[in-house]
Amino acid sequence: MPEYVAMVYSKDVDWSLPEHAAEMAEYGAFNEAAAAVIRGGAALYPTATATTVRVSGGKGGDVLATDGPYAETKEALTGFFILECADLDEAIAMAAKIPAAWDGAVEVRPVLPIM
């Protein structure tokens, strides 16, 4: 069966803080309800903890690492799920149950296996 990544875009907060416990409980409920198709996933720390890496001049060039995200947006990539679904329609139906879809966005893409 094909796999899809469901990229979660929501407000850029530290989900590990106690004030987000109620929202995290919603994700826990999704995890339980979708356990049959979830193959992996994780929440991400806020974009302020990100490091952007570029290589100037292509392969073998100088490595430049800068603090923070590449671009500022209203919503940030805050997590992802790997879903094993029969087809895109099933993946979309599952993504609609992810709490971020209710007040943010969930981008669904098929996974191209490389290993």
PDB file of N, CA and C in Angstrom:
ATOM      1  N   MET A   1       0.839  -1.176   0.000  1.00  0.00           N
ATOM      2  CA  MET A   1       0.000   0.000   0.000  1.00  0.00           C
ATOM      3  C   MET A   1       0.885   1.241   0.000  1.00  0.00           C
ATOM      4  N   PRO A   2       0.481   2.285  -0.705  1.00  0.00           N
ATOM      5  CA  PRO A   2       1.308   3.495  -0.746  1.00  0.00           C
ATOM      6  C   PRO A   2       1.316   4.245   0.578  1.00  0.00           C
ATOM      7  N   GLU A   3       2.382   5.004   0.766  1.00  0.00           N
ATOM      8  CA  GLU A   3       2.489   5.868   1.943  1.00  0.00           C
ATOM      9  C   GLU A   3       2.377   7.321   1.515  1.00  0.00           C
ATOM     10  N   TYR A   4       1.830   8.119   2.424  1.00  0.00           N
ATOM     11  CA  TYR A   4       1.656   9.550   2.214  1.00  0.00           C
ATOM     12  C   TYR A   4       2.197  10.274   3.431  1.00  0.00           C
ATOM     13  N   VAL A   5       2.824  11.414   3.211  1.00  0.00           N
ATOM     14  CA  VAL A   5       3.216  12.257   4.333  1.00  0.00           C
ATOM     15  C   VAL A   5       2.140  13.331   4.468  1.00  0.00           C
ATOM     16  N   ALA A   6       1.688  13.518   5.680  1.00  0.00           N
ATOM     17  CA  ALA A   6       0.719  14.568   6.001  1.00  0.00           C
ATOM     18  C   ALA A   6       1.473  15.612   6.815  1.00  0.00           C
ATOM     19  N   MET A   7       1.849  16.706   6.152  1.00  0.00           N
ATOM     20  CA  MET A   7       2.630  17.754   6.815  1.00  0.00           C
ATOM     21  C   MET A   7       1.683  18.732   7.488  1.00  0.00           C
ATOM     22  N   VAL A   8       1.905  18.928   8.773  1.00  0.00           N
ATOM     23  CA  VAL A   8       1.024  19.732   9.604  1.00  0.00           C
ATOM     24  C   VAL A   8       1.532  21.168   9.661  1.00  0.00           C
ATOM     25  N   TYR A   9       0.676  22.097   9.268  1.00  0.00           N
ATOM     26  CA  TYR A   9       0.993  23.526   9.344  1.00  0.00           C
ATOM     27  C   TYR A   9       0.016  24.156  10.324  1.00  0.00           C
ATOM     28  N   SER A  10       0.563  24.762  11.375  1.00  0.00           N
ATOM     29  CA  SER A  10      -0.277  25.373  12.405  1.00  0.00           C
ATOM     30  C   SER A  10       0.476  26.533  13.037  1.00  0.00           C
ATOM     31  N   LYS A  11      -0.098  27.074  14.101  1.00  0.00           N
ATOM     32  CA  LYS A  11       0.591  28.177  14.771  1.00  0.00           C
ATOM     33  C   LYS A  11       1.951  27.685  15.266  1.00  0.00           C
ATOM     34  N   ASP A  12       2.901  28.592  15.268  1.00  0.00           N
ATOM     35  CA  ASP A  12       4.286  28.264  15.594  1.00  0.00           C
ATOM     36  C   ASP A  12       4.509  28.432  17.090  1.00  0.00           C
ATOM     37  N   VAL A  13       4.238  27.363  17.847  1.00  0.00           N
ATOM     38  CA  VAL A  13       4.385  27.401  19.301  1.00  0.00           C
ATOM     39  C   VAL A  13       5.184  26.187  19.761  1.00  0.00           C
ATOM     40  N   ASP A  14       5.580  26.204  21.010  1.00  0.00           N
ATOM     41  CA  ASP A  14       6.270  25.071  21.614  1.00  0.00           C
ATOM     42  C   ASP A  14       5.216  24.125  22.174  1.00  0.00           C
ATOM     43  N   TRP A  15       4.926  23.068  21.440  1.00  0.00           N
ATOM     44  CA  TRP A  15       3.860  22.138  21.822  1.00  0.00           C
ATOM     45  C   TRP A  15       4.184  21.366  23.090  1.00  0.00           C
ATOM     46  N   SER A  16       5.422  21.423  23.569  1.00  0.00           N
ATOM     47  CA  SER A  16       5.779  20.711  24.793  1.00  0.00           C
ATOM     48  C   SER A  16       5.366  21.471  26.055  1.00  0.00           C
ATOM     49  N   LEU A  17       4.944  22.728  25.914  1.00  0.00           N
ATOM     50  CA  LEU A  17       4.551  23.530  27.075  1.00  0.00           C
ATOM     51  C   LEU A  17       3.162  23.127  27.576  1.00  0.00           C
ATOM     52  N   PRO A  18       2.956  23.214  28.901  1.00  0.00           N
ATOM     53  CA  PRO A  18       1.690  22.776  29.498  1.00  0.00           C
ATOM     54  C   PRO A  18       0.454  23.518  28.960  1.00  0.00           C
ATOM     55  N   GLU A  19       0.604  24.757  28.539  1.00  0.00           N
ATOM     56  CA  GLU A  19      -0.569  25.500  28.060  1.00  0.00           C
ATOM     57  C   GLU A  19      -1.151  24.942  26.754  1.00  0.00           C
ATOM     58  N   HIS A  20      -0.445  24.014  26.125  1.00  0.00           N
ATOM     59  CA  HIS A  20      -0.941  23.401  24.888  1.00  0.00           C
ATOM     60  C   HIS A  20      -1.404  21.961  25.113  1.00  0.00           C
ATOM     61  N   ALA A  21      -1.565  21.579  26.380  1.00  0.00           N
ATOM     62  CA  ALA A  21      -1.929  20.201  26.719  1.00  0.00           C
ATOM     63  C   ALA A  21      -3.270  19.794  26.104  1.00  0.00           C
ATOM     64  N   ALA A  22      -4.252  20.685  26.102  1.00  0.00           N
ATOM     65  CA  ALA A  22      -5.565  20.337  25.545  1.00  0.00           C
ATOM     66  C   ALA A  22      -5.464  20.060  24.045  1.00  0.00           C
ATOM     67  N   GLU A  23      -4.696  20.881  23.336  1.00  0.00           N
ATOM     68  CA  GLU A  23      -4.523  20.654  21.899  1.00  0.00           C
ATOM     69  C   GLU A  23      -3.748  19.367  21.640  1.00  0.00           C
ATOM     70  N   MET A  24      -2.742  19.104  22.462  1.00  0.00           N
ATOM     71  CA  MET A  24      -1.968  17.874  22.298  1.00  0.00           C
ATOM     72  C   MET A  24      -2.845  16.648  22.576  1.00  0.00           C
ATOM     73  N   ALA A  25      -3.819  16.786  23.466  1.00  0.00           N
ATOM     74  CA  ALA A  25      -4.749  15.683  23.727  1.00  0.00           C
ATOM     75  C   ALA A  25      -5.563  15.367  22.472  1.00  0.00           C
ATOM     76  N   GLU A  26      -5.902  16.396  21.695  1.00  0.00           N
ATOM     77  CA  GLU A  26      -6.606  16.175  20.423  1.00  0.00           C
ATOM     78  C   GLU A  26      -5.734  15.346  19.472  1.00  0.00           C
ATOM     79  N   TYR A  27      -4.427  15.650  19.433  1.00  0.00           N
ATOM     80  CA  TYR A  27      -3.517  14.871  18.599  1.00  0.00           C
ATOM     81  C   TYR A  27      -3.402  13.439  19.118  1.00  0.00           C
ATOM     82  N   GLY A  28      -3.404  13.282  20.428  1.00  0.00           N
ATOM     83  CA  GLY A  28      -3.383  11.943  21.011  1.00  0.00           C
ATOM     84  C   GLY A  28      -4.607  11.136  20.597  1.00  0.00           C
ATOM     85  N   ALA A  29      -5.767  11.797  20.581  1.00  0.00           N
ATOM     86  CA  ALA A  29      -6.994  11.128  20.145  1.00  0.00           C
ATOM     87  C   ALA A  29      -6.898  10.731  18.671  1.00  0.00           C
ATOM     88  N   PHE A  30      -6.331  11.617  17.841  1.00  0.00           N
ATOM     89  CA  PHE A  30      -6.128  11.274  16.429  1.00  0.00           C
ATOM     90  C   PHE A  30      -5.191  10.081  16.308  1.00  0.00           C
ATOM     91  N   ASN A  31      -4.099  10.096  17.075  1.00  0.00           N
ATOM     92  CA  ASN A  31      -3.130   8.990  17.033  1.00  0.00           C
ATOM     93  C   ASN A  31      -3.805   7.657  17.336  1.00  0.00           C
ATOM     94  N   GLU A  32      -4.681   7.645  18.339  1.00  0.00           N
ATOM     95  CA  GLU A  32      -5.383   6.411  18.689  1.00  0.00           C
ATOM     96  C   GLU A  32      -6.348   5.988  17.594  1.00  0.00           C
ATOM     97  N   ALA A  33      -7.115   6.949  17.075  1.00  0.00           N
ATOM     98  CA  ALA A  33      -8.124   6.633  16.066  1.00  0.00           C
ATOM     99  C   ALA A  33      -7.501   6.185  14.752  1.00  0.00           C
ATOM    100  N   ALA A  34      -6.328   6.710  14.415  1.00  0.00           N
ATOM    101  CA  ALA A  34      -5.688   6.424  13.127  1.00  0.00           C
ATOM    102  C   ALA A  34      -4.514   5.455  13.253  1.00  0.00           C
ATOM    103  N   ALA A  35      -4.398   4.786  14.384  1.00  0.00           N
ATOM    104  CA  ALA A  35      -3.245   3.909  14.630  1.00  0.00           C
ATOM    105  C   ALA A  35      -3.047   2.870  13.529  1.00  0.00           C
ATOM    106  N   ALA A  36      -4.116   2.430  12.897  1.00  0.00           N
ATOM    107  CA  ALA A  36      -4.009   1.398  11.868  1.00  0.00           C
ATOM    108  C   ALA A  36      -3.268   1.871  10.624  1.00  0.00           C
ATOM    109  N   VAL A  37      -3.238   3.182  10.388  1.00  0.00           N
ATOM    110  CA  VAL A  37      -2.577   3.681   9.168  1.00  0.00           C
ATOM    111  C   VAL A  37      -1.337   4.525   9.447  1.00  0.00           C
ATOM    112  N   ILE A  38      -1.128   4.947  10.690  1.00  0.00           N
ATOM    113  CA  ILE A  38       0.050   5.763  11.009  1.00  0.00           C
ATOM    114  C   ILE A  38       1.291   4.883  11.041  1.00  0.00           C
ATOM    115  N   ARG A  39       2.300   5.274  10.267  1.00  0.00           N
ATOM    116  CA  ARG A  39       3.569   4.542  10.217  1.00  0.00           C
ATOM    117  C   ARG A  39       4.713   5.323  10.842  1.00  0.00           C
ATOM    118  N   GLY A  40       4.450   6.551  11.244  1.00  0.00           N
ATOM    119  CA  GLY A  40       5.471   7.372  11.875  1.00  0.00           C
ATOM    120  C   GLY A  40       4.997   8.805  11.944  1.00  0.00           C
ATOM    121  N   GLY A  41       5.823   9.629  12.542  1.00  0.00           N
ATOM    122  CA  GLY A  41       5.496  11.037  12.641  1.00  0.00           C
ATOM    123  C   GLY A  41       6.100  11.651  13.874  1.00  0.00           C
ATOM    124  N   ALA A  42       5.996  12.966  13.953  1.00  0.00           N
ATOM    125  CA  ALA A  42       6.539  13.684  15.102  1.00  0.00           C
ATOM    126  C   ALA A  42       6.040  15.117  15.088  1.00  0.00           C
ATOM    127  N   ALA A  43       6.001  15.708  16.270  1.00  0.00           N
ATOM    128  CA  ALA A  43       5.805  17.152  16.387  1.00  0.00           C
ATOM    129  C   ALA A  43       7.181  17.789  16.317  1.00  0.00           C
ATOM    130  N   LEU A  44       7.235  19.014  15.851  1.00  0.00           N
ATOM    131  CA  LEU A  44       8.505  19.724  15.738  1.00  0.00           C
ATOM    132  C   LEU A  44       8.545  20.890  16.718  1.00  0.00           C
ATOM    133  N   TYR A  45       9.738  21.199  17.228  1.00  0.00           N
ATOM    134  CA  TYR A  45       9.898  22.380  18.062  1.00  0.00           C
ATOM    135  C   TYR A  45       9.693  23.622  17.192  1.00  0.00           C
ATOM    136  N   PRO A  46       9.459  24.796  17.797  1.00  0.00           N
ATOM    137  CA  PRO A  46       9.186  26.017  17.027  1.00  0.00           C
ATOM    138  C   PRO A  46      10.296  26.364  16.033  1.00  0.00           C
ATOM    139  N   THR A  47       9.947  27.147  15.036  1.00  0.00           N
ATOM    140  CA  THR A  47      10.904  27.511  13.992  1.00  0.00           C
ATOM    141  C   THR A  47      12.098  28.276  14.546  1.00  0.00           C
ATOM    142  N   ALA A  48      11.960  28.905  15.707  1.00  0.00           N
ATOM    143  CA  ALA A  48      13.088  29.616  16.314  1.00  0.00           C
ATOM    144  C   ALA A  48      14.237  28.658  16.641  1.00  0.00           C
ATOM    145  N   THR A  49      13.945  27.372  16.737  1.00  0.00           N
ATOM    146  CA  THR A  49      14.992  26.382  17.028  1.00  0.00           C
ATOM    147  C   THR A  49      15.615  25.821  15.756  1.00  0.00           C
ATOM    148  N   ALA A  50      15.122  26.237  14.608  1.00  0.00           N
ATOM    149  CA  ALA A  50      15.586  25.689  13.323  1.00  0.00           C
ATOM    150  C   ALA A  50      16.950  26.238  12.925  1.00  0.00           C
ATOM    151  N   THR A  51      17.650  25.461  12.148  1.00  0.00           N
ATOM    152  CA  THR A  51      18.887  25.879  11.492  1.00  0.00           C
ATOM    153  C   THR A  51      18.721  25.570  10.007  1.00  0.00           C
ATOM    154  N   THR A  52      18.960  26.576   9.177  1.00  0.00           N
ATOM    155  CA  THR A  52      18.866  26.399   7.734  1.00  0.00           C
ATOM    156  C   THR A  52      20.271  26.179   7.176  1.00  0.00           C
ATOM    157  N   VAL A  53      20.426  25.127   6.381  1.00  0.00           N
ATOM    158  CA  VAL A  53      21.733  24.755   5.834  1.00  0.00           C
ATOM    159  C   VAL A  53      21.717  24.948   4.320  1.00  0.00           C
ATOM    160  N   ARG A  54      22.746  25.615   3.823  1.00  0.00           N
ATOM    161  CA  ARG A  54      22.943  25.791   2.386  1.00  0.00           C
ATOM    162  C   ARG A  54      24.399  25.458   2.057  1.00  0.00           C
ATOM    163  N   VAL A  55      24.627  25.009   0.836  1.00  0.00           N
ATOM    164  CA  VAL A  55      25.981  24.767   0.351  1.00  0.00           C
ATOM    165  C   VAL A  55      26.183  25.683  -0.850  1.00  0.00           C
ATOM    166  N   SER A  56      27.104  26.630  -0.710  1.00  0.00           N
ATOM    167  CA  SER A  56      27.351  27.565  -1.806  1.00  0.00           C
ATOM    168  C   SER A  56      28.188  26.889  -2.884  1.00  0.00           C
ATOM    169  N   GLY A  57      27.853  27.151  -4.122  1.00  0.00           N
ATOM    170  CA  GLY A  57      28.626  26.596  -5.221  1.00  0.00           C
ATOM    171  C   GLY A  57      28.337  25.139  -5.520  1.00  0.00           C
ATOM    172  N   GLY A  58      27.291  24.586  -4.923  1.00  0.00           N
ATOM    173  CA  GLY A  58      26.935  23.202  -5.213  1.00  0.00           C
ATOM    174  C   GLY A  58      27.721  22.197  -4.392  1.00  0.00           C
ATOM    175  N   LYS A  59      27.667  20.949  -4.805  1.00  0.00           N
ATOM    176  CA  LYS A  59      28.302  19.839  -4.091  1.00  0.00           C
ATOM    177  C   LYS A  59      29.763  20.148  -3.802  1.00  0.00           C
ATOM    178  N   GLY A  60      30.148  19.971  -2.521  1.00  0.00           N
ATOM    179  CA  GLY A  60      31.526  20.206  -2.125  1.00  0.00           C
ATOM    180  C   GLY A  60      31.836  21.650  -1.788  1.00  0.00           C
ATOM    181  N   GLY A  61      30.855  22.546  -1.930  1.00  0.00           N
ATOM    182  CA  GLY A  61      31.073  23.955  -1.639  1.00  0.00           C
ATOM    183  C   GLY A  61      31.086  24.246  -0.156  1.00  0.00           C
ATOM    184  N   ASP A  62      31.172  25.527   0.168  1.00  0.00           N
ATOM    185  CA  ASP A  62      31.178  25.952   1.566  1.00  0.00           C
ATOM    186  C   ASP A  62      29.804  25.769   2.180  1.00  0.00           C
ATOM    187  N   VAL A  63      29.783  25.274   3.414  1.00  0.00           N
ATOM    188  CA  VAL A  63      28.534  25.063   4.143  1.00  0.00           C
ATOM    189  C   VAL A  63      28.215  26.316   4.942  1.00  0.00           C
ATOM    190  N   LEU A  64      26.994  26.809   4.771  1.00  0.00           N
ATOM    191  CA  LEU A  64      26.524  27.973   5.508  1.00  0.00           C
ATOM    192  C   LEU A  64      25.308  27.553   6.324  1.00  0.00           C
ATOM    193  N   ALA A  65      25.410  27.649   7.640  1.00  0.00           N
ATOM    194  CA  ALA A  65      24.305  27.315   8.531  1.00  0.00           C
ATOM    195  C   ALA A  65      23.853  28.601   9.217  1.00  0.00           C
ATOM    196  N   THR A  66      22.569  28.911   9.111  1.00  0.00           N
ATOM    197  CA  THR A  66      22.023  30.115   9.738  1.00  0.00           C
ATOM    198  C   THR A  66      20.896  29.740  10.681  1.00  0.00           C
ATOM    199  N   ASP A  67      20.738  30.526  11.733  1.00  0.00           N
ATOM    200  CA  ASP A  67      19.672  30.296  12.693  1.00  0.00           C
ATOM    201  C   ASP A  67      18.325  30.658  12.096  1.00  0.00           C
ATOM    202  N   GLY A  68      17.312  29.907  12.533  1.00  0.00           N
ATOM    203  CA  GLY A  68      15.944  30.251  12.197  1.00  0.00           C
ATOM    204  C   GLY A  68      15.459  29.681  10.886  1.00  0.00           C
ATOM    205  N   PRO A  69      14.187  29.956  10.622  1.00  0.00           N
ATOM    206  CA  PRO A  69      13.548  29.409   9.418  1.00  0.00           C
ATOM    207  C   PRO A  69      13.961  30.165   8.162  1.00  0.00           C
ATOM    208  N   TYR A  70      13.698  29.556   7.051  1.00  0.00           N
ATOM    209  CA  TYR A  70      13.999  30.158   5.753  1.00  0.00           C
ATOM    210  C   TYR A  70      13.095  31.362   5.492  1.00  0.00           C
ATOM    211  N   ALA A  71      11.817  31.250   5.842  1.00  0.00           N
ATOM    212  CA  ALA A  71      10.876  32.345   5.598  1.00  0.00           C
ATOM    213  C   ALA A  71       9.876  32.418   6.741  1.00  0.00           C
ATOM    214  N   GLU A  72       9.398  33.610   7.021  1.00  0.00           N
ATOM    215  CA  GLU A  72       8.370  33.768   8.037  1.00  0.00           C
ATOM    216  C   GLU A  72       7.001  33.627   7.394  1.00  0.00           C
ATOM    217  N   THR A  73       6.130  32.883   8.051  1.00  0.00           N
ATOM    218  CA  THR A  73       4.776  32.694   7.569  1.00  0.00           C
ATOM    219  C   THR A  73       3.812  32.723   8.739  1.00  0.00           C
ATOM    220  N   LYS A  74       2.537  32.857   8.440  1.00  0.00           N
ATOM    221  CA  LYS A  74       1.514  32.834   9.488  1.00  0.00           C
ATOM    222  C   LYS A  74       1.472  31.454  10.146  1.00  0.00           C
ATOM    223  N   GLU A  75       1.575  30.421   9.320  1.00  0.00           N
ATOM    224  CA  GLU A  75       1.584  29.055   9.810  1.00  0.00           C
ATOM    225  C   GLU A  75       2.945  28.442   9.488  1.00  0.00           C
ATOM    226  N   ALA A  76       3.395  27.562  10.351  1.00  0.00           N
ATOM    227  CA  ALA A  76       4.701  26.939  10.169  1.00  0.00           C
ATOM    228  C   ALA A  76       4.538  25.426  10.128  1.00  0.00           C
ATOM    229  N   LEU A  77       5.508  24.761   9.533  1.00  0.00           N
ATOM    230  CA  LEU A  77       5.541  23.302   9.570  1.00  0.00           C
ATOM    231  C   LEU A  77       5.825  22.899  11.013  1.00  0.00           C
ATOM    232  N   THR A  78       4.846  22.286  11.667  1.00  0.00           N
ATOM    233  CA  THR A  78       4.975  21.976  13.085  1.00  0.00           C
ATOM    234  C   THR A  78       4.974  20.480  13.382  1.00  0.00           C
ATOM    235  N   GLY A  79       4.848  19.673  12.347  1.00  0.00           N
ATOM    236  CA  GLY A  79       4.878  18.234  12.561  1.00  0.00           C
ATOM    237  C   GLY A  79       4.500  17.500  11.289  1.00  0.00           C
ATOM    238  N   PHE A  80       4.473  16.177  11.390  1.00  0.00           N
ATOM    239  CA  PHE A  80       4.118  15.364  10.229  1.00  0.00           C
ATOM    240  C   PHE A  80       3.679  13.983  10.677  1.00  0.00           C
ATOM    241  N   PHE A  81       2.929  13.328   9.819  1.00  0.00           N
ATOM    242  CA  PHE A  81       2.542  11.937   9.994  1.00  0.00           C
ATOM    243  C   PHE A  81       2.884  11.203   8.710  1.00  0.00           C
ATOM    244  N   ILE A  82       3.317   9.964   8.820  1.00  0.00           N
ATOM    245  CA  ILE A  82       3.456   9.084   7.671  1.00  0.00           C
ATOM    246  C   ILE A  82       2.241   8.156   7.729  1.00  0.00           C
ATOM    247  N   LEU A  83       1.426   8.197   6.684  1.00  0.00           N
ATOM    248  CA  LEU A  83       0.192   7.416   6.646  1.00  0.00           C
ATOM    249  C   LEU A  83       0.272   6.377   5.537  1.00  0.00           C
ATOM    250  N   GLU A  84      -0.099   5.158   5.843  1.00  0.00           N
ATOM    251  CA  GLU A  84      -0.191   4.126   4.824  1.00  0.00           C
ATOM    252  C   GLU A  84      -1.665   3.955   4.483  1.00  0.00           C
ATOM    253  N   CYS A  85      -2.033   4.379   3.290  1.00  0.00           N
ATOM    254  CA  CYS A  85      -3.430   4.394   2.884  1.00  0.00           C
ATOM    255  C   CYS A  85      -3.589   3.721   1.526  1.00  0.00           C
ATOM    256  N   ALA A  86      -4.796   3.296   1.230  1.00  0.00           N
ATOM    257  CA  ALA A  86      -5.068   2.620  -0.039  1.00  0.00           C
ATOM    258  C   ALA A  86      -4.848   3.545  -1.223  1.00  0.00           C
ATOM    259  N   ASP A  87      -5.183   4.829  -1.050  1.00  0.00           N
ATOM    260  CA  ASP A  87      -5.065   5.787  -2.148  1.00  0.00           C
ATOM    261  C   ASP A  87      -5.114   7.206  -1.590  1.00  0.00           C
ATOM    262  N   LEU A  88      -5.001   8.172  -2.481  1.00  0.00           N
ATOM    263  CA  LEU A  88      -4.997   9.576  -2.069  1.00  0.00           C
ATOM    264  C   LEU A  88      -6.303   9.969  -1.381  1.00  0.00           C
ATOM    265  N   ASP A  89      -7.411   9.442  -1.845  1.00  0.00           N
ATOM    266  CA  ASP A  89      -8.693   9.777  -1.224  1.00  0.00           C
ATOM    267  C   ASP A  89      -8.726   9.372   0.253  1.00  0.00           C
ATOM    268  N   GLU A  90      -8.205   8.199   0.563  1.00  0.00           N
ATOM    269  CA  GLU A  90      -8.152   7.762   1.960  1.00  0.00           C
ATOM    270  C   GLU A  90      -7.187   8.637   2.753  1.00  0.00           C
ATOM    271  N   ALA A  91      -6.055   8.996   2.155  1.00  0.00           N
ATOM    272  CA  ALA A  91      -5.087   9.858   2.841  1.00  0.00           C
ATOM    273  C   ALA A  91      -5.696  11.226   3.139  1.00  0.00           C
ATOM    274  N   ILE A  92      -6.453  11.769   2.207  1.00  0.00           N
ATOM    275  CA  ILE A  92      -7.122  13.063   2.425  1.00  0.00           C
ATOM    276  C   ILE A  92      -8.145  12.940   3.539  1.00  0.00           C
ATOM    277  N   ALA A  93      -8.914  11.862   3.547  1.00  0.00           N
ATOM    278  CA  ALA A  93      -9.904  11.655   4.609  1.00  0.00           C
ATOM    279  C   ALA A  93      -9.237  11.583   5.975  1.00  0.00           C
ATOM    280  N   MET A  94      -8.079  10.920   6.056  1.00  0.00           N
ATOM    281  CA  MET A  94      -7.352  10.843   7.323  1.00  0.00           C
ATOM    282  C   MET A  94      -6.798  12.210   7.699  1.00  0.00           C
ATOM    283  N   ALA A  95      -6.249  12.938   6.732  1.00  0.00           N
ATOM    284  CA  ALA A  95      -5.671  14.261   7.006  1.00  0.00           C
ATOM    285  C   ALA A  95      -6.723  15.224   7.526  1.00  0.00           C
ATOM    286  N   ALA A  96      -7.943  15.078   7.093  1.00  0.00           N
ATOM    287  CA  ALA A  96      -9.030  15.952   7.559  1.00  0.00           C
ATOM    288  C   ALA A  96      -9.332  15.747   9.041  1.00  0.00           C
ATOM    289  N   LYS A  97      -8.870  14.639   9.595  1.00  0.00           N
ATOM    290  CA  LYS A  97      -9.082  14.353  11.019  1.00  0.00           C
ATOM    291  C   LYS A  97      -7.937  14.840  11.897  1.00  0.00           C
ATOM    292  N   ILE A  98      -6.858  15.311  11.283  1.00  0.00           N
ATOM    293  CA  ILE A  98      -5.732  15.848  12.043  1.00  0.00           C
ATOM    294  C   ILE A  98      -6.128  17.225  12.556  1.00  0.00           C
ATOM    295  N   PRO A  99      -5.981  17.502  13.858  1.00  0.00           N
ATOM    296  CA  PRO A  99      -6.449  18.770  14.419  1.00  0.00           C
ATOM    297  C   PRO A  99      -5.993  20.029  13.678  1.00  0.00           C
ATOM    298  N   ALA A 100      -4.808  20.046  13.098  1.00  0.00           N
ATOM    299  CA  ALA A 100      -4.339  21.241  12.386  1.00  0.00           C
ATOM    300  C   ALA A 100      -5.224  21.575  11.191  1.00  0.00           C
ATOM    301  N   ALA A 101      -5.900  20.587  10.629  1.00  0.00           N
ATOM    302  CA  ALA A 101      -6.774  20.843   9.476  1.00  0.00           C
ATOM    303  C   ALA A 101      -7.954  21.725   9.867  1.00  0.00           C
ATOM    304  N   TRP A 102      -8.274  21.784  11.147  1.00  0.00           N
ATOM    305  CA  TRP A 102      -9.444  22.536  11.604  1.00  0.00           C
ATOM    306  C   TRP A 102      -9.169  24.025  11.721  1.00  0.00           C
ATOM    307  N   ASP A 103      -7.899  24.417  11.943  1.00  0.00           N
ATOM    308  CA  ASP A 103      -7.594  25.852  12.054  1.00  0.00           C
ATOM    309  C   ASP A 103      -6.244  26.215  11.445  1.00  0.00           C
ATOM    310  N   GLY A 104      -5.667  25.287  10.724  1.00  0.00           N
ATOM    311  CA  GLY A 104      -4.402  25.510  10.027  1.00  0.00           C
ATOM    312  C   GLY A 104      -4.493  24.824   8.683  1.00  0.00           C
ATOM    313  N   ALA A 105      -3.545  23.965   8.381  1.00  0.00           N
ATOM    314  CA  ALA A 105      -3.569  23.228   7.118  1.00  0.00           C
ATOM    315  C   ALA A 105      -2.769  21.943   7.251  1.00  0.00           C
ATOM    316  N   VAL A 106      -3.128  20.957   6.451  1.00  0.00           N
ATOM    317  CA  VAL A 106      -2.380  19.713   6.366  1.00  0.00           C
ATOM    318  C   VAL A 106      -2.127  19.448   4.887  1.00  0.00           C
ATOM    319  N   GLU A 107      -0.862  19.399   4.520  1.00  0.00           N
ATOM    320  CA  GLU A 107      -0.478  19.120   3.136  1.00  0.00           C
ATOM    321  C   GLU A 107      -0.196  17.624   3.011  1.00  0.00           C
ATOM    322  N   VAL A 108      -0.821  16.992   2.029  1.00  0.00           N
ATOM    323  CA  VAL A 108      -0.654  15.551   1.819  1.00  0.00           C
ATOM    324  C   VAL A 108       0.121  15.340   0.523  1.00  0.00           C
ATOM    325  N   ARG A 109       1.167  14.510   0.609  1.00  0.00           N
ATOM    326  CA  ARG A 109       1.959  14.166  -0.585  1.00  0.00           C
ATOM    327  C   ARG A 109       2.286  12.690  -0.558  1.00  0.00           C
ATOM    328  N   PRO A 110       2.281  12.047  -1.727  1.00  0.00           N
ATOM    329  CA  PRO A 110       2.734  10.660  -1.773  1.00  0.00           C
ATOM    330  C   PRO A 110       4.241  10.593  -1.490  1.00  0.00           C
ATOM    331  N   VAL A 111       4.645   9.526  -0.842  1.00  0.00           N
ATOM    332  CA  VAL A 111       6.052   9.310  -0.510  1.00  0.00           C
ATOM    333  C   VAL A 111       6.699   8.505  -1.631  1.00  0.00           C
ATOM    334  N   LEU A 112       7.836   8.957  -2.090  1.00  0.00           N
ATOM    335  CA  LEU A 112       8.631   8.254  -3.091  1.00  0.00           C
ATOM    336  C   LEU A 112       9.731   7.496  -2.349  1.00  0.00           C
ATOM    337  N   PRO A 113       9.616   6.189  -2.214  1.00  0.00           N
ATOM    338  CA  PRO A 113      10.625   5.431  -1.469  1.00  0.00           C
ATOM    339  C   PRO A 113      12.000   5.549  -2.148  1.00  0.00           C
ATOM    340  N   ILE A 114      13.039   5.785  -1.335  1.00  0.00           N
ATOM    341  CA  ILE A 114      14.390   5.860  -1.878  1.00  0.00           C
ATOM    342  C   ILE A 114      15.325   4.848  -1.216  1.00  0.00           C
ATOM    343  N   MET A 115      14.806   4.063  -0.316  1.00  0.00           N
ATOM    344  CA  MET A 115      15.632   3.057   0.356  1.00  0.00           C
ATOM    345  C   MET A 115      15.086   1.683   0.070  1.00  0.00           C
TER     346      MET A 115
END
